[in-house]
Amino acid sequence: MDGHDPQVLQMADVADRWVVRCDCGCGVLTQYASRDEAEDAAERARAEIDPPTGPEPAIDDVIEDDGGRAPERI
């Protein structure tokens, strides 16, 4: 997984179309009609979206019930 860094790219075979895309897995992928709009959107995405930090840590400790019983359902 790459780091969070939204990029502005010109769409292939489409004049005057720009895309903001990030490959880190955050889901940023949006089209814009002008490069200025795309640049602004990329800056907002860099500032607003927290990048994925990786997998959640595993819980290694198992809580044991002191009677050997299963935990009570809520």
Protein backbone atom coordinates (compact mmCIF):
# COMPACT_ATOMS: atom_id res chain seq x y z
CA MET A 1 0.00 0.00 0.00
CA ASP A 2 1.40 3.37 -0.99
CA GLY A 3 1.26 6.50 1.16
CA HIS A 4 -1.66 8.95 0.95
CA ASP A 5 -0.78 11.42 -1.80
CA PRO A 6 -3.61 12.40 -4.20
CA GLN A 7 -2.24 13.11 -7.69
CA VAL A 8 -3.65 15.26 -10.51
CA LEU A 9 -3.55 13.47 -13.86
CA GLN A 10 -4.81 14.43 -17.30
CA MET A 11 -7.26 11.89 -18.70
CA ALA A 12 -5.94 10.05 -21.73
CA ASP A 13 -7.82 10.69 -24.98
CA VAL A 14 -10.09 13.31 -23.38
CA ALA A 15 -9.28 16.98 -23.87
CA ASP A 16 -9.67 19.27 -20.89
CA ARG A 17 -10.46 16.57 -18.35
CA TRP A 18 -8.44 16.02 -15.19
CA VAL A 19 -8.57 13.34 -12.52
CA VAL A 20 -7.56 13.43 -8.87
CA ARG A 21 -6.51 9.94 -7.85
CA CYS A 22 -4.81 8.36 -4.86
CA ASP A 23 -3.45 4.80 -4.83
CA CYS A 24 -3.29 4.34 -1.06
CA GLY A 25 -6.76 2.84 -0.82
CA CYS A 26 -8.59 5.90 0.51
CA GLY A 27 -10.94 5.97 -2.48
CA VAL A 28 -10.08 9.37 -3.94
CA LEU A 29 -10.92 9.24 -7.66
CA THR A 30 -12.76 12.25 -9.11
CA GLN A 31 -12.92 13.97 -12.53
CA TYR A 32 -12.71 17.73 -13.04
CA ALA A 33 -13.13 20.00 -16.05
CA SER A 34 -10.10 22.19 -15.29
CA ARG A 35 -6.65 21.61 -13.90
CA ASP A 36 -7.18 24.36 -11.31
CA GLU A 37 -10.26 22.60 -9.92
CA ALA A 38 -8.34 19.32 -9.79
CA GLU A 39 -5.35 20.92 -8.04
CA ASP A 40 -7.65 22.49 -5.42
CA ALA A 41 -9.43 19.16 -4.87
CA ALA A 42 -6.11 17.35 -4.48
CA GLU A 43 -4.99 19.85 -1.84
CA ARG A 44 -8.27 19.42 0.07
CA ALA A 45 -7.96 15.63 -0.13
CA ARG A 46 -4.41 15.77 1.23
CA ALA A 47 -5.56 17.92 4.15
CA GLU A 48 -8.92 16.30 4.96
CA ILE A 49 -8.55 12.58 4.44
CA ASP A 50 -6.64 10.59 6.99
CA PRO A 51 -4.64 7.91 5.21
CA PRO A 52 -5.23 4.29 6.08
CA THR A 53 -2.82 3.28 8.82
CA GLY A 54 -2.71 -0.40 7.98
CA PRO A 55 -4.44 -3.37 9.50
CA GLU A 56 -5.90 -3.14 12.96
CA PRO A 57 -3.71 -4.71 15.62
CA ALA A 58 -4.72 -8.21 16.62
CA ILE A 59 -5.99 -8.84 20.11
CA ASP A 60 -3.67 -11.42 21.61
CA ASP A 61 -5.08 -11.57 25.10
CA VAL A 62 -8.22 -13.57 25.78
CA ILE A 63 -10.31 -12.44 28.69
CA GLU A 64 -11.06 -15.43 30.89
CA ASP A 65 -14.29 -15.60 32.84
CA ASP A 66 -13.52 -16.58 36.42
CA GLY A 67 -16.05 -19.44 36.46
CA GLY A 68 -15.01 -21.07 33.23
CA ARG A 69 -18.33 -20.02 31.78
CA ALA A 70 -18.96 -18.27 28.50
CA PRO A 71 -19.30 -14.48 28.73
CA GLU A 72 -22.81 -13.21 29.26
CA ARG A 73 -24.59 -12.09 26.08
CA ILE A 74 -25.76 -8.51 26.00
